[in-house]
Amino acid sequence: MPESPFLVIDPGRVAANFRALATALSPRPTRIRYAVKASPVDELITLLAAENAEFDVASLGEIHQCLALGLSPATLCYGNPIKKAADIARAHALGIRRYAFDTEDDLARIAEHAPGAEVECRFLSAAPASRTPFGTKFGCAPAEAVRLLARARDLGLDPAGPYFHVGSQQLDPEAWRIGITQAAEITEALADKGIAVRTVNIGGGLPISYAESAPGLDEFAAVITDAAARFLPATTELVVEPGRALVGDAGTIHAEVVGVRTAPDGRRWVYLDVGRYNGMAETENEYIAYQFETDRDGDPVDEAVVAGPTCDGDDVLYQRTRVLLPTTLRAGDPIRILHTGAYTASYSSVSFNGFPPLTVHVSGAERE
């Protein structure tokens, strides 16, 4: 048994999730572009490439990783709207010809350093808040997207179409109807300017069930395909950029109880050898409520504050969320954290407090 903590990912589950998503969206021509940042594991990237996925890459590091695995540059889109001119130039030299942007400045950098590239303009949709929202960090106003995509054409770039993201772990299927409706208005305005939109990028955000259940994939797919049929030209392809939906439920973190104490206020604290800085970053603000499984399940349970192993006061996973754990838990007990395949190992810090990043195991292969 590897030393705790570690993450185990089931590649068969990832492949099944990809195929289920492709089938669910099949009434509409759709390209599935995996968000590499969710779990940048070599074995998963090559598996999804074999399934004919495309890839949303957020940095030169992810570009180099994908190319080193033999992926074609034509399958990659540099989807991060925040990028240096030098990074655009390097990406273009490596063969990357698709980029996302949301500002005039970034558009100008792309035009200068990646001439002739295909571009998608990210706009801020009016979707309801998700479990882990982006706020206003990304996306321009829809009217600005029209202007910028027309400007892209004038700069010699290839405007593919508008792009929106409804926020990570979005539980409301209607969020996509709102975004597609806004994208359709942008599409119509661009048609008046002689620009035929080829794709509408509906981003990621498809949720999975944690302690809180999420609607099923079919419910989201029904809204997406219906909205696309109603509001978009039949020739317009959808691009979807799942991360969590493909890999989230394929992973389990295997951890260990380090200690249990009763604080002066009477609350029970359970300390784990995995915390905020080595895999559990999405517990920030307690946005994601993971499920725990122990060898003592079936014993009496009571509420617990769950914390990580570092000496940082912010390394507390849950103190407002009601977490019930067996009262018999003791130091050394194994504990498993379910559905942790996305945004865990990729969020690990580099040895904060001397604790190493989370180790990943895929079909017996060990990765750091």
Protein backbone atom coordinates (compact mmCIF):
# COMPACT_ATOMS: atom_id res chain seq x y z
CA MET A 1 0.00 0.00 0.00
CA PRO A 2 1.46 3.43 -0.94
CA GLU A 3 2.16 5.93 1.82
CA SER A 4 -0.88 8.04 2.70
CA PRO A 5 -2.19 10.36 1.40
CA PHE A 6 -2.59 9.43 -2.24
CA LEU A 7 -5.15 9.71 -5.02
CA VAL A 8 -6.30 6.73 -7.07
CA ILE A 9 -7.95 7.42 -10.43
CA ASP A 10 -9.95 4.86 -12.41
CA PRO A 11 -9.28 5.50 -16.12
CA GLY A 12 -12.20 3.27 -17.11
CA ARG A 13 -14.56 5.66 -15.34
CA VAL A 14 -13.04 8.62 -17.19
CA ALA A 15 -13.57 6.91 -20.56
CA ALA A 16 -17.15 6.00 -19.61
CA ASN A 17 -17.87 9.59 -18.57
CA PHE A 18 -16.51 10.91 -21.87
CA ARG A 19 -18.66 8.53 -23.89
CA ALA A 20 -21.75 9.30 -21.81
CA LEU A 21 -21.29 13.03 -22.38
CA ALA A 22 -20.76 12.54 -26.12
CA THR A 23 -23.93 10.44 -26.33
CA ALA A 24 -25.99 12.87 -24.25
CA LEU A 25 -25.04 15.82 -26.49
CA SER A 26 -25.20 13.86 -29.75
CA PRO A 27 -28.42 15.50 -30.99
CA ARG A 28 -26.18 18.53 -31.62
CA PRO A 29 -22.78 18.55 -33.38
CA THR A 30 -20.44 18.96 -30.40
CA ARG A 31 -16.69 18.96 -29.82
CA ILE A 32 -15.57 17.87 -26.35
CA ARG A 33 -12.49 19.76 -25.18
CA TYR A 34 -11.05 18.41 -21.93
CA ALA A 35 -9.97 21.05 -19.40
CA VAL A 36 -6.50 19.72 -18.65
CA LYS A 37 -6.21 21.75 -15.44
CA ALA A 38 -8.80 19.52 -13.75
CA SER A 39 -6.39 16.58 -13.66
CA PRO A 40 -3.24 16.95 -15.78
CA VAL A 41 -2.32 13.27 -15.58
CA ASP A 42 -0.48 11.85 -18.59
CA GLU A 43 -2.51 8.65 -18.68
CA LEU A 44 -5.81 10.54 -18.73
CA ILE A 45 -4.67 12.90 -21.46
CA THR A 46 -3.60 10.05 -23.73
CA LEU A 47 -6.77 8.11 -22.94
CA LEU A 48 -8.97 11.06 -23.90
CA ALA A 49 -6.90 11.74 -27.02
CA ALA A 50 -7.70 8.17 -28.09
CA GLU A 51 -11.39 9.05 -27.60
CA ASN A 52 -10.93 11.97 -30.07
CA ALA A 53 -11.15 14.67 -27.42
CA GLU A 54 -9.76 18.15 -27.89
CA PHE A 55 -7.93 19.90 -25.04
CA ASP A 56 -8.31 23.23 -23.28
CA VAL A 57 -4.83 24.24 -22.11
CA ALA A 58 -4.23 27.10 -19.70
CA SER A 59 -0.47 27.59 -19.89
CA LEU A 60 2.72 26.79 -21.74
CA GLY A 61 3.30 24.04 -19.19
CA GLU A 62 0.12 22.24 -20.22
CA ILE A 63 0.92 22.82 -23.90
CA HIS A 64 4.38 21.26 -23.50
CA GLN A 65 2.90 18.33 -21.58
CA CYS A 66 0.30 17.57 -24.26
CA LEU A 67 2.75 17.88 -27.12
CA ALA A 68 5.28 15.68 -25.34
CA LEU A 69 2.58 13.00 -25.17
CA GLY A 70 2.23 13.12 -28.95
CA LEU A 71 -0.95 15.17 -29.21
CA SER A 72 -1.42 17.23 -32.35
CA PRO A 73 -1.25 21.01 -31.81
CA ALA A 74 -4.49 21.16 -33.81
CA THR A 75 -6.33 19.56 -30.87
CA LEU A 76 -5.24 22.23 -28.37
CA CYS A 77 -6.87 25.56 -27.56
CA TYR A 78 -5.03 28.10 -25.40
CA GLY A 79 -8.15 28.93 -23.44
CA ASN A 80 -6.80 31.12 -20.63
CA PRO A 81 -7.70 34.78 -21.37
CA ILE A 82 -4.78 35.88 -19.17
CA LYS A 83 -1.51 35.30 -21.00
CA LYS A 84 1.73 37.12 -21.74
CA ALA A 85 2.71 38.18 -25.24
CA ALA A 86 5.81 35.99 -24.95
CA ASP A 87 3.67 32.98 -24.08
CA ILE A 88 1.42 33.55 -27.08
CA ALA A 89 4.47 33.76 -29.32
CA ARG A 90 5.90 30.55 -27.88
CA ALA A 91 2.57 28.76 -28.22
CA HIS A 92 2.27 29.88 -31.84
CA ALA A 93 5.81 28.65 -32.54
CA LEU A 94 4.73 25.27 -31.15
CA GLY A 95 1.82 25.12 -33.60
CA ILE A 96 -1.07 26.33 -31.44
CA ARG A 97 -3.64 28.04 -33.67
CA ARG A 98 -6.66 28.43 -31.33
CA TYR A 99 -6.92 31.03 -28.58
CA ALA A 100 -9.55 32.49 -26.26
CA PHE A 101 -9.57 36.14 -25.22
CA ASP A 102 -11.81 38.65 -23.49
CA THR A 103 -10.03 42.01 -23.80
CA GLU A 104 -8.83 44.31 -26.56
CA ASP A 105 -5.27 44.05 -25.22
CA ASP A 106 -5.17 40.26 -25.37
CA LEU A 107 -6.71 40.33 -28.84
CA ALA A 108 -3.97 42.68 -30.02
CA ARG A 109 -1.30 40.39 -28.55
CA ILE A 110 -2.79 37.39 -30.34
CA ALA A 111 -2.97 39.29 -33.64
CA GLU A 112 0.68 40.29 -33.31
CA HIS A 113 2.16 37.04 -32.08
CA ALA A 114 -0.22 34.41 -33.53
CA PRO A 115 -1.25 35.91 -36.89
CA GLY A 116 -4.18 34.22 -38.58
CA ALA A 117 -5.16 32.26 -35.46
CA GLU A 118 -8.69 31.13 -34.70
CA VAL A 119 -10.17 32.99 -31.73
CA GLU A 120 -13.11 32.71 -29.36
CA CYS A 121 -14.26 35.70 -27.32
CA ARG A 122 -15.31 34.98 -23.75
CA PHE A 123 -18.27 37.00 -22.52
CA LEU A 124 -19.75 37.20 -19.04
CA SER A 125 -23.07 35.41 -19.12
CA ALA A 126 -26.02 36.23 -16.86
CA ALA A 127 -26.06 32.71 -15.42
CA PRO A 128 -26.88 32.14 -11.73
CA ALA A 129 -23.99 31.65 -9.30
CA SER A 130 -22.34 28.24 -9.24
CA ARG A 131 -20.86 26.42 -6.26
CA THR A 132 -17.37 27.73 -7.12
CA PRO A 133 -18.05 30.96 -9.03
CA PHE A 134 -15.56 32.97 -11.08
CA GLY A 135 -17.22 36.30 -10.26
CA THR A 136 -16.21 38.89 -12.85
CA LYS A 137 -12.59 37.73 -13.26
CA PHE A 138 -13.26 36.61 -16.84
CA GLY A 139 -15.53 37.73 -19.65
CA CYS A 140 -16.51 40.94 -21.36
CA ALA A 141 -20.01 42.33 -21.88
CA PRO A 142 -21.94 40.56 -24.69
CA ALA A 143 -22.04 43.74 -26.79
CA GLU A 144 -18.27 44.07 -26.37
CA ALA A 145 -17.87 40.49 -27.60
CA VAL A 146 -19.58 41.48 -30.84
CA ARG A 147 -17.22 44.40 -31.29
CA LEU A 148 -14.12 42.39 -30.40
CA LEU A 149 -14.93 39.49 -32.72
CA ALA A 150 -15.48 41.95 -35.56
CA ARG A 151 -12.19 43.58 -34.62
CA ALA A 152 -10.53 40.16 -34.72
CA ARG A 153 -11.59 39.76 -38.34
CA ASP A 154 -10.19 43.19 -39.17
CA LEU A 155 -6.88 42.18 -37.57
CA GLY A 156 -6.61 39.17 -39.85
CA LEU A 157 -7.66 36.61 -37.26
CA ASP A 158 -10.34 33.94 -37.70
CA PRO A 159 -13.31 34.65 -35.38
CA ALA A 160 -14.79 31.25 -34.52
CA GLY A 161 -17.49 32.58 -32.21
CA PRO A 162 -18.49 33.52 -28.65
CA TYR A 163 -17.56 31.64 -25.52
CA PHE A 164 -19.11 31.61 -22.04
CA HIS A 165 -18.64 29.71 -18.78
CA VAL A 166 -21.43 29.32 -16.23
CA GLY A 167 -19.07 28.72 -13.31
CA SER A 168 -17.60 25.54 -11.87
CA GLN A 169 -19.95 22.98 -10.30
CA GLN A 170 -23.04 24.69 -11.74
CA LEU A 171 -26.15 22.96 -10.38
CA ASP A 172 -28.78 24.82 -12.42
CA PRO A 173 -29.27 23.44 -15.96
CA GLU A 174 -31.00 26.66 -16.97
CA ALA A 175 -27.65 28.44 -16.70
CA TRP A 176 -26.73 27.01 -20.09
CA ARG A 177 -30.01 28.15 -21.67
CA ILE A 178 -29.23 31.67 -20.50
CA GLY A 179 -25.71 31.53 -21.90
CA ILE A 180 -26.76 30.02 -25.23
CA THR A 181 -29.50 32.63 -25.61
CA GLN A 182 -26.94 35.40 -25.09
CA ALA A 183 -24.51 33.68 -27.47
CA ALA A 184 -27.28 33.53 -30.08
CA GLU A 185 -27.76 37.29 -29.84
CA ILE A 186 -24.03 37.74 -30.40
CA THR A 187 -24.22 35.34 -33.36
CA GLU A 188 -27.04 37.32 -34.95
CA ALA A 189 -25.22 40.61 -34.47
CA LEU A 190 -22.08 39.17 -36.07
CA ALA A 191 -24.11 37.85 -39.01
CA ASP A 192 -25.21 41.44 -39.65
CA LYS A 193 -21.51 42.29 -39.91
CA GLY A 194 -20.87 39.50 -42.38
CA ILE A 195 -19.29 37.12 -39.86
CA ALA A 196 -20.68 33.59 -39.81
CA VAL A 197 -20.18 32.03 -36.38
CA ARG A 198 -18.98 28.42 -36.65
CA THR A 199 -18.85 27.48 -32.98
CA VAL A 200 -20.36 28.50 -29.67
CA ASN A 201 -18.19 27.47 -26.73
CA ILE A 202 -20.43 26.68 -23.76
CA GLY A 203 -17.47 26.15 -21.42
CA GLY A 204 -17.33 23.72 -18.53
CA GLY A 205 -19.14 23.74 -15.20
CA LEU A 206 -21.01 20.45 -15.55
CA PRO A 207 -21.33 19.19 -11.97
CA ILE A 208 -21.02 15.88 -10.18
CA SER A 209 -22.60 14.74 -6.94
CA TYR A 210 -20.65 15.23 -3.73
CA ALA A 211 -22.36 15.28 -0.34
CA GLU A 212 -24.94 17.38 -2.19
CA SER A 213 -26.56 15.59 -5.11
CA ALA A 214 -26.39 17.18 -8.57
CA PRO A 215 -28.98 16.81 -11.33
CA GLY A 216 -28.19 14.05 -13.82
CA LEU A 217 -26.25 14.56 -17.03
CA ASP A 218 -29.35 13.92 -19.14
CA GLU A 219 -31.07 16.91 -17.55
CA PHE A 220 -28.23 19.24 -18.47
CA ALA A 221 -27.89 17.76 -21.95
CA ALA A 222 -31.61 18.19 -22.61
CA VAL A 223 -31.46 21.91 -21.78
CA ILE A 224 -28.28 22.44 -23.80
CA THR A 225 -29.45 20.65 -26.93
CA ASP A 226 -32.92 22.22 -26.76
CA ALA A 227 -31.52 25.74 -26.38
CA ALA A 228 -29.04 25.18 -29.22
CA ALA A 229 -31.81 23.89 -31.51
CA ARG A 230 -34.05 26.83 -30.66
CA PHE A 231 -31.59 29.70 -30.82
CA LEU A 232 -28.54 28.75 -32.91
CA PRO A 233 -28.19 28.07 -36.62
CA ALA A 234 -28.20 24.34 -37.42
CA THR A 235 -24.67 24.63 -38.81
CA THR A 236 -23.22 26.03 -35.58
CA GLU A 237 -21.20 23.50 -33.59
CA LEU A 238 -21.06 23.49 -29.82
CA VAL A 239 -17.78 23.25 -27.95
CA VAL A 240 -17.97 21.97 -24.37
CA GLU A 241 -14.99 22.04 -22.00
CA PRO A 242 -15.59 19.56 -19.17
CA GLY A 243 -13.06 18.85 -16.47
CA ARG A 244 -14.84 17.83 -13.28
CA ALA A 245 -17.58 16.00 -15.20
CA LEU A 246 -15.01 13.66 -16.78
CA VAL A 247 -12.61 12.97 -13.93
CA GLY A 248 -14.26 14.02 -10.66
CA ASP A 249 -16.04 10.79 -9.76
CA ALA A 250 -13.13 8.70 -11.07
CA GLY A 251 -10.86 9.53 -8.13
CA THR A 252 -10.63 8.65 -4.45
CA ILE A 253 -8.15 10.15 -1.99
CA HIS A 254 -6.82 7.62 0.52
CA ALA A 255 -5.84 9.45 3.70
CA GLU A 256 -5.23 8.78 7.37
CA VAL A 257 -6.45 10.24 10.64
CA VAL A 258 -3.53 11.99 12.35
CA GLY A 259 -5.33 12.85 15.54
CA VAL A 260 -8.63 13.56 17.29
CA ARG A 261 -9.16 16.16 19.99
CA THR A 262 -11.92 17.97 21.83
CA ALA A 263 -11.37 21.72 21.72
CA PRO A 264 -12.07 24.00 24.73
CA ASP A 265 -15.43 24.90 23.19
CA GLY A 266 -16.41 21.25 23.24
CA ARG A 267 -16.21 20.64 19.49
CA ARG A 268 -14.53 17.48 18.22
CA TRP A 269 -11.70 18.03 15.73
CA VAL A 270 -10.48 15.31 13.37
CA TYR A 271 -7.09 15.99 11.78
CA LEU A 272 -6.16 14.29 8.48
CA ASP A 273 -2.85 13.92 6.69
CA VAL A 274 -4.36 15.67 3.68
CA GLY A 275 -5.51 19.26 3.80
CA ARG A 276 -6.02 22.54 2.02
CA TYR A 277 -2.49 22.67 0.58
CA ASN A 278 -1.94 19.10 -0.58
CA GLY A 279 -5.14 18.28 -2.38
CA MET A 280 -8.21 19.78 -0.70
CA ALA A 281 -8.11 23.31 -2.09
CA GLU A 282 -11.76 23.22 -3.18
CA THR A 283 -12.84 23.15 0.45
CA GLU A 284 -11.98 26.87 0.54
CA ASN A 285 -15.10 28.66 1.78
CA GLU A 286 -16.50 25.11 2.09
CA TYR A 287 -17.72 25.35 -1.51
CA ILE A 288 -17.34 21.62 -2.17
CA ALA A 289 -18.56 19.21 0.50
CA TYR A 290 -16.79 15.91 -0.08
CA GLN A 291 -18.06 12.59 1.23
CA PHE A 292 -15.94 10.57 3.68
CA GLU A 293 -15.78 6.80 4.07
CA THR A 294 -14.04 4.95 6.91
CA ASP A 295 -13.51 1.39 8.11
CA ARG A 296 -15.62 2.31 11.15
CA ASP A 297 -18.75 3.26 9.20
CA GLY A 298 -21.68 1.74 11.06
CA ASP A 299 -20.40 2.90 14.45
CA PRO A 300 -22.18 5.80 16.21
CA VAL A 301 -21.48 9.17 14.55
CA ASP A 302 -21.28 12.76 15.70
CA GLU A 303 -20.36 16.11 14.20
CA ALA A 304 -16.71 16.91 13.64
CA VAL A 305 -14.56 19.78 12.48
CA VAL A 306 -12.23 18.38 9.82
CA ALA A 307 -8.76 19.90 9.42
CA GLY A 308 -5.53 19.31 7.52
CA PRO A 309 -2.07 18.57 8.94
CA THR A 310 -0.23 21.88 8.55
CA CYS A 311 0.33 24.49 11.22
CA ASP A 312 -1.61 27.06 9.18
CA GLY A 313 -4.81 28.23 10.86
CA ASP A 314 -6.59 28.33 7.49
CA ASP A 315 -5.95 24.63 6.89
CA VAL A 316 -9.43 23.73 8.09
CA LEU A 317 -11.65 21.87 5.64
CA TYR A 318 -15.04 21.99 7.34
CA GLN A 319 -16.23 23.81 10.44
CA ARG A 320 -19.57 25.23 9.21
CA THR A 321 -20.59 22.27 7.04
CA ARG A 322 -22.18 19.48 9.09
CA VAL A 323 -19.82 16.53 8.82
CA LEU A 324 -20.76 13.34 10.67
CA LEU A 325 -17.92 10.94 11.40
CA PRO A 326 -17.73 7.85 13.62
CA THR A 327 -17.09 8.69 17.26
CA THR A 328 -14.70 5.74 17.39
CA LEU A 329 -12.20 7.28 14.91
CA ARG A 330 -8.65 7.20 16.20
CA ALA A 331 -5.19 8.25 15.02
CA GLY A 332 -3.93 5.90 12.33
CA ASP A 333 -7.38 5.01 10.99
CA PRO A 334 -7.68 5.09 7.18
CA ILE A 335 -10.22 7.48 5.68
CA ARG A 336 -11.27 7.77 2.06
CA ILE A 337 -12.49 10.97 0.41
CA LEU A 338 -14.80 10.18 -2.48
CA HIS A 339 -15.14 11.82 -5.90
CA THR A 340 -11.83 13.64 -5.63
CA GLY A 341 -10.53 13.11 -9.16
CA ALA A 342 -10.79 16.77 -10.16
CA TYR A 343 -8.94 19.80 -8.81
CA THR A 344 -7.11 17.93 -6.06
CA ALA A 345 -3.63 16.79 -7.10
CA SER A 346 -3.47 19.64 -9.63
CA TYR A 347 -4.04 22.14 -6.79
CA SER A 348 -1.37 20.66 -4.49
CA SER A 349 1.31 23.08 -3.34
CA VAL A 350 5.01 22.38 -3.56
CA SER A 351 5.81 21.12 -0.06
CA PHE A 352 4.08 23.78 2.06
CA ASN A 353 5.19 23.05 5.64
CA GLY A 354 7.30 20.27 4.13
CA PHE A 355 4.27 18.16 3.19
CA PRO A 356 4.70 16.80 -0.36
CA PRO A 357 2.13 17.26 -3.13
CA LEU A 358 -0.50 14.56 -3.50
CA THR A 359 0.72 11.41 -5.27
CA VAL A 360 -1.49 10.07 -8.08
CA HIS A 361 -1.87 6.40 -9.02
CA VAL A 362 -3.49 5.38 -12.30
CA SER A 363 -3.70 1.65 -13.02
CA GLY A 364 -0.65 1.02 -10.87
CA ALA A 365 1.44 3.87 -12.32
CA GLU A 366 2.77 6.33 -9.75
CA ARG A 367 2.99 10.04 -10.43
CA GLU A 368 3.97 13.07 -8.38
